[in-house]
Amino acid sequence: MAVETDESGWEVDPDDEWGVAVITTVGRQLKLRREAAGMRAGDFGVAVGYGEDLVYKVEGGKRIPRQEYLDRADEVLDAGGLLSAAWEDVKKVRYPKKVRELGKLEGKAVEIGIYECNSVHGLLQTPEHARALMEAAQPPYSADDVQRMVAARMARQSVFERDPAPSIHFVLEEAPLRRPVGGTMVQQQQLERLLEVGSLNHVSLQVMPTSSDAHPGVDGKIELLKFPDGTAVGRSDGAFNGRPTAEPRELRILELRYGTIRAQALPPRASLAFIEKLLGET
């Protein structure tokens, strides 16, 4: 069996206390079982098909193991499913803390309103589009970080599959839709994805044409999330220092701005027709 590199794990965020605790505990369990079986780290790495360096990092709580790593370790160490079961804890902390918190809010919301000005919003991105954006960052992310962030972004898109489904509203600027992020094929796939999501009965997708007049979103994106108990949280790049807010007066301001933006954008049906036209031009 070919020995894989240590790219098959993810770095642990040292500021994520819960994540560090979970991964440290799982790593300790793996090490104890390996030593009880009388296996050296190098031999164990060969048996599971991963590099020795990764074995040490996982056991030391420095690397987040993937599900296949735990499954192979369970088989090699004859753990009777106990190591495989650790994935239930690991999967809760495998993405960065900030992304987990955002995904948790989106997972609870009954209504989500988003205005995005500089790019296609993360909930709408294809994996290829997301990867191209992240690979363009400066200073550059490592290949491992890119893979982790893309996976985290795609995991958030499970919000579309919730039952009952939340009501989701998007307003996107025209310019980012025309930008050939990742090349022509990736751009085409991204436009097709927008048409697919925009056709869902619980999703409203609108385009703000570049030819439109000034509107309240020129200062940056707006996000509004409303929850079953009547509470809400919002954020805008151009208000309240960009921090999230649940204060009623500030939420009313964000709702007023978002409502005005939606009123100025193309209606949903015309927006989908606009995207189809762009797709035909690529």
Protein backbone atom coordinates (compact mmCIF):
# COMPACT_ATOMS: atom_id res chain seq x y z
CA MET A 1 0.00 0.00 0.00
CA ALA A 2 1.35 3.43 -0.90
CA VAL A 3 2.19 5.63 2.07
CA GLU A 4 0.34 8.94 1.90
CA THR A 5 1.73 12.28 3.00
CA ASP A 6 0.55 14.20 6.04
CA GLU A 7 -1.78 16.26 3.87
CA SER A 8 -4.54 13.82 4.82
CA GLY A 9 -5.12 15.66 8.10
CA TRP A 10 -5.88 19.23 9.12
CA GLU A 11 -4.05 21.59 11.44
CA VAL A 12 -5.65 22.34 14.81
CA ASP A 13 -6.44 25.99 15.53
CA PRO A 14 -4.66 26.72 18.84
CA ASP A 15 -7.29 29.34 19.71
CA ASP A 16 -10.08 26.77 19.43
CA GLU A 17 -10.11 25.43 23.00
CA TRP A 18 -12.90 22.91 22.43
CA GLY A 19 -11.34 21.68 19.21
CA VAL A 20 -7.91 21.29 20.85
CA ALA A 21 -9.45 19.30 23.73
CA VAL A 22 -11.30 16.92 21.40
CA ILE A 23 -8.36 16.28 19.09
CA THR A 24 -5.93 15.87 22.00
CA THR A 25 -8.20 13.26 23.58
CA VAL A 26 -8.64 11.32 20.33
CA GLY A 27 -4.90 11.46 19.66
CA ARG A 28 -4.16 10.09 23.11
CA GLN A 29 -6.58 7.21 22.57
CA LEU A 30 -4.91 6.35 19.28
CA LYS A 31 -1.43 6.40 20.82
CA LEU A 32 -2.44 4.25 23.81
CA ARG A 33 -4.04 1.63 21.57
CA ARG A 34 -1.07 1.57 19.20
CA GLU A 35 1.38 1.13 22.05
CA ALA A 36 -0.82 -1.54 23.66
CA ALA A 37 -0.69 -3.41 20.36
CA GLY A 38 3.11 -3.20 20.42
CA MET A 39 3.35 -1.24 17.16
CA ARG A 40 5.91 1.45 16.43
CA ALA A 41 4.62 4.65 14.81
CA GLY A 42 6.40 3.90 11.55
CA ASP A 43 4.98 0.40 11.29
CA PHE A 44 1.52 1.66 12.17
CA GLY A 45 1.81 4.35 9.50
CA VAL A 46 2.65 1.73 6.86
CA ALA A 47 -0.26 -0.45 8.02
CA VAL A 48 -2.84 2.34 7.74
CA GLY A 49 -1.30 3.88 4.61
CA TYR A 50 -0.21 7.21 6.07
CA GLY A 51 3.13 8.83 6.76
CA GLU A 52 4.89 8.40 10.11
CA ASP A 53 4.98 12.17 10.57
CA LEU A 54 1.20 12.34 10.36
CA VAL A 55 0.88 9.54 12.94
CA TYR A 56 2.93 11.57 15.44
CA LYS A 57 1.00 14.75 14.71
CA VAL A 58 -2.40 13.08 15.15
CA GLU A 59 -1.36 11.33 18.35
CA GLY A 60 0.08 14.59 19.69
CA GLY A 61 -3.15 16.48 19.08
CA LYS A 62 -1.53 18.66 16.41
CA ARG A 63 -3.45 17.32 13.45
CA ILE A 64 -7.16 16.59 12.90
CA PRO A 65 -7.59 13.02 11.59
CA ARG A 66 -10.01 12.36 8.78
CA GLN A 67 -12.66 9.67 8.94
CA GLU A 68 -10.74 7.23 6.76
CA TYR A 69 -7.71 7.53 9.07
CA LEU A 70 -9.80 6.56 12.11
CA ASP A 71 -11.47 3.72 10.20
CA ARG A 72 -8.11 2.27 9.10
CA ALA A 73 -6.69 2.68 12.61
CA ASP A 74 -9.72 0.84 14.01
CA GLU A 75 -9.13 -2.09 11.69
CA VAL A 76 -5.36 -2.30 12.24
CA LEU A 77 -5.64 -2.03 16.04
CA ASP A 78 -8.75 -4.25 16.22
CA ALA A 79 -10.58 -1.59 18.26
CA GLY A 80 -14.04 -3.01 17.63
CA GLY A 81 -15.42 0.25 16.21
CA LEU A 82 -14.36 2.47 19.13
CA LEU A 83 -11.81 4.45 17.12
CA SER A 84 -14.18 4.78 14.17
CA ALA A 85 -16.82 6.09 16.58
CA ALA A 86 -14.47 8.92 17.57
CA TRP A 87 -15.34 10.52 14.23
CA GLU A 88 -18.65 11.66 15.76
CA ASP A 89 -16.66 14.01 18.01
CA VAL A 90 -13.94 14.87 15.50
CA LYS A 91 -16.36 15.93 12.77
CA LYS A 92 -17.83 18.59 15.06
CA VAL A 93 -14.49 20.40 15.28
CA ARG A 94 -12.92 19.63 11.89
CA TYR A 95 -13.66 23.11 10.54
CA PRO A 96 -12.35 26.42 11.92
CA LYS A 97 -14.19 27.79 14.94
CA LYS A 98 -15.43 30.90 13.12
CA VAL A 99 -16.89 28.82 10.29
CA ARG A 100 -18.53 26.42 12.75
CA GLU A 101 -20.20 29.30 14.57
CA LEU A 102 -21.48 30.79 11.32
CA GLY A 103 -22.75 27.43 10.11
CA LYS A 104 -24.49 26.90 13.44
CA LEU A 105 -26.37 30.19 13.10
CA GLU A 106 -27.32 29.46 9.48
CA GLY A 107 -28.48 26.02 10.57
CA LYS A 108 -30.91 27.53 13.09
CA ALA A 109 -32.22 30.46 11.04
CA VAL A 110 -35.72 30.39 9.55
CA GLU A 111 -34.93 33.35 7.31
CA ILE A 112 -31.59 34.37 5.79
CA GLY A 113 -31.04 37.58 3.86
CA ILE A 114 -27.72 38.27 2.12
CA TYR A 115 -26.39 41.07 -0.03
CA GLU A 116 -22.94 40.35 -1.49
CA CYS A 117 -21.07 43.00 -3.44
CA ASN A 118 -17.57 41.75 -4.23
CA SER A 119 -17.98 38.05 -4.96
CA VAL A 120 -20.44 35.20 -5.27
CA HIS A 121 -21.57 34.44 -1.73
CA GLY A 122 -20.03 31.37 -0.08
CA LEU A 123 -23.39 29.60 0.21
CA LEU A 124 -23.68 29.76 -3.58
CA GLN A 125 -20.12 28.90 -4.62
CA THR A 126 -19.11 25.70 -6.38
CA PRO A 127 -16.06 23.90 -4.91
CA GLU A 128 -13.98 24.90 -7.93
CA HIS A 129 -14.97 28.56 -7.63
CA ALA A 130 -14.24 28.58 -3.90
CA ARG A 131 -10.86 26.93 -4.44
CA ALA A 132 -9.86 29.45 -7.12
CA LEU A 133 -10.70 32.35 -4.80
CA MET A 134 -8.74 30.88 -1.90
CA GLU A 135 -5.74 30.02 -4.04
CA ALA A 136 -5.60 33.66 -5.15
CA ALA A 137 -5.19 34.93 -1.57
CA GLN A 138 -2.05 36.81 -0.55
CA PRO A 139 -0.14 35.79 1.44
CA PRO A 140 -1.02 32.37 0.01
CA TYR A 141 -2.68 29.63 2.01
CA SER A 142 -1.09 26.20 2.09
CA ALA A 143 -2.70 23.53 -0.09
CA ASP A 144 -3.95 21.85 3.08
CA ASP A 145 -5.58 25.04 4.36
CA VAL A 146 -7.26 25.60 1.01
CA GLN A 147 -8.68 22.09 1.04
CA ARG A 148 -9.96 22.52 4.57
CA MET A 149 -11.60 25.88 3.87
CA VAL A 150 -13.27 24.64 0.69
CA ALA A 151 -14.66 21.65 2.59
CA ALA A 152 -15.94 23.92 5.35
CA ARG A 153 -17.63 26.23 2.85
CA MET A 154 -19.33 23.33 1.09
CA ALA A 155 -20.52 21.92 4.44
CA ARG A 156 -22.38 25.17 5.14
CA GLN A 157 -24.43 24.62 1.99
CA SER A 158 -26.37 21.87 3.75
CA VAL A 159 -28.64 24.76 4.76
CA PHE A 160 -30.41 24.26 1.40
CA GLU A 161 -31.33 20.70 2.37
CA ARG A 162 -32.90 21.47 5.73
CA ASP A 163 -36.45 20.32 6.41
CA PRO A 164 -38.36 22.49 6.98
CA ALA A 165 -36.36 24.71 4.66
CA PRO A 166 -35.50 28.28 5.67
CA SER A 167 -36.48 31.20 3.47
CA ILE A 168 -33.26 32.45 1.86
CA HIS A 169 -32.84 35.70 -0.08
CA PHE A 170 -29.72 36.67 -2.05
CA VAL A 171 -28.82 39.87 -3.85
CA LEU A 172 -25.62 39.67 -5.92
CA GLU A 173 -23.87 42.37 -7.88
CA GLU A 174 -23.47 41.86 -11.63
CA ALA A 175 -19.70 42.48 -11.76
CA PRO A 176 -18.61 39.38 -9.77
CA LEU A 177 -20.86 37.22 -11.94
CA ARG A 178 -18.91 38.35 -15.01
CA ARG A 179 -15.49 37.71 -13.46
CA PRO A 180 -14.03 34.45 -14.89
CA VAL A 181 -12.83 33.11 -11.55
CA GLY A 182 -10.96 29.86 -12.19
CA GLY A 183 -11.38 30.10 -15.96
CA THR A 184 -14.27 29.83 -18.38
CA MET A 185 -15.39 26.32 -17.42
CA VAL A 186 -15.45 27.12 -13.70
CA GLN A 187 -17.36 30.33 -14.43
CA GLN A 188 -19.94 28.41 -16.45
CA GLN A 189 -20.37 25.85 -13.67
CA GLN A 190 -20.81 28.67 -11.18
CA LEU A 191 -23.50 30.37 -13.24
CA GLU A 192 -25.27 27.02 -13.65
CA ARG A 193 -25.14 26.59 -9.88
CA LEU A 194 -26.77 29.99 -9.40
CA LEU A 195 -29.58 29.00 -11.75
CA GLU A 196 -30.02 25.72 -9.88
CA VAL A 197 -30.21 27.30 -6.43
CA GLY A 198 -32.26 30.26 -7.68
CA SER A 199 -34.91 27.84 -8.92
CA LEU A 200 -35.53 26.35 -5.45
CA ASN A 201 -38.93 27.33 -4.12
CA HIS A 202 -37.52 28.58 -0.81
CA VAL A 203 -34.75 30.66 -2.40
CA SER A 204 -34.98 34.11 -3.93
CA LEU A 205 -31.97 35.24 -5.97
CA GLN A 206 -31.69 38.76 -7.37
CA VAL A 207 -29.02 40.52 -9.41
CA MET A 208 -28.08 44.17 -8.96
CA PRO A 209 -27.11 45.45 -12.43
CA THR A 210 -23.93 47.49 -12.69
CA SER A 211 -26.02 50.15 -14.45
CA SER A 212 -28.14 50.70 -11.32
CA ASP A 213 -27.96 53.92 -9.31
CA ALA A 214 -26.27 54.22 -5.92
CA HIS A 215 -27.83 52.10 -3.19
CA PRO A 216 -27.26 51.38 0.54
CA GLY A 217 -25.01 48.41 -0.19
CA VAL A 218 -22.12 50.33 -1.72
CA ASP A 219 -20.35 50.23 1.68
CA GLY A 220 -20.21 46.45 1.74
CA LYS A 221 -22.14 43.25 2.22
CA ILE A 222 -25.13 42.77 4.52
CA GLU A 223 -26.24 39.60 6.30
CA LEU A 224 -29.48 39.14 8.26
CA LEU A 225 -30.51 35.95 10.07
CA LYS A 226 -33.86 35.49 11.83
CA PHE A 227 -34.60 32.65 14.25
CA PRO A 228 -37.74 30.71 15.31
CA ASP A 229 -38.00 32.52 18.66
CA GLY A 230 -38.26 35.91 16.95
CA THR A 231 -34.68 36.97 17.64
CA ALA A 232 -32.30 38.02 14.89
CA VAL A 233 -28.67 38.87 14.22
CA GLY A 234 -27.21 41.00 11.46
CA ARG A 235 -23.93 42.32 10.16
CA SER A 236 -22.81 44.84 7.57
CA ASP A 237 -19.37 45.92 6.43
CA GLY A 238 -20.58 49.51 6.35
CA ALA A 239 -22.31 49.74 9.74
CA PHE A 240 -21.44 49.30 13.42
CA ASN A 241 -17.76 48.63 12.66
CA GLY A 242 -18.70 45.45 10.82
CA ARG A 243 -19.52 43.61 14.05
CA PRO A 244 -22.54 41.30 14.42
CA THR A 245 -25.48 42.92 16.18
CA ALA A 246 -28.72 41.75 17.78
CA GLU A 247 -29.71 45.22 19.01
CA PRO A 248 -33.26 46.02 17.72
CA ARG A 249 -32.49 49.59 16.60
CA GLU A 250 -29.41 48.51 14.65
CA LEU A 251 -31.26 45.55 13.14
CA ARG A 252 -33.98 47.91 11.87
CA ILE A 253 -31.30 49.96 10.11
CA LEU A 254 -29.89 46.87 8.43
CA GLU A 255 -33.36 45.68 7.44
CA LEU A 256 -34.15 49.09 5.94
CA ARG A 257 -30.93 49.02 3.90
CA TYR A 258 -31.46 45.44 2.78
CA GLY A 259 -35.07 46.12 1.82
CA THR A 260 -34.01 49.09 -0.28
CA ILE A 261 -31.34 47.01 -2.02
CA ARG A 262 -33.86 44.28 -2.86
CA ALA A 263 -36.26 46.87 -4.24
CA GLN A 264 -33.58 48.29 -6.58
CA ALA A 265 -32.31 44.91 -7.82
CA LEU A 266 -33.83 42.96 -10.70
CA PRO A 267 -36.82 40.79 -9.67
CA PRO A 268 -36.03 37.07 -9.18
CA ARG A 269 -37.45 35.92 -12.53
CA ALA A 270 -35.63 38.66 -14.44
CA SER A 271 -32.47 37.89 -12.46
CA LEU A 272 -32.47 34.24 -13.52
CA ALA A 273 -33.01 35.32 -17.13
CA PHE A 274 -30.07 37.72 -16.71
CA ILE A 275 -27.85 34.90 -15.44
CA GLU A 276 -28.92 32.65 -18.32
CA LYS A 277 -27.88 35.42 -20.70
CA LEU A 278 -24.48 35.68 -19.01
CA LEU A 279 -24.07 31.93 -19.26
CA GLY A 280 -24.76 32.08 -22.98
CA GLU A 281 -22.05 34.72 -23.35
CA THR A 282 -19.30 32.72 -21.62
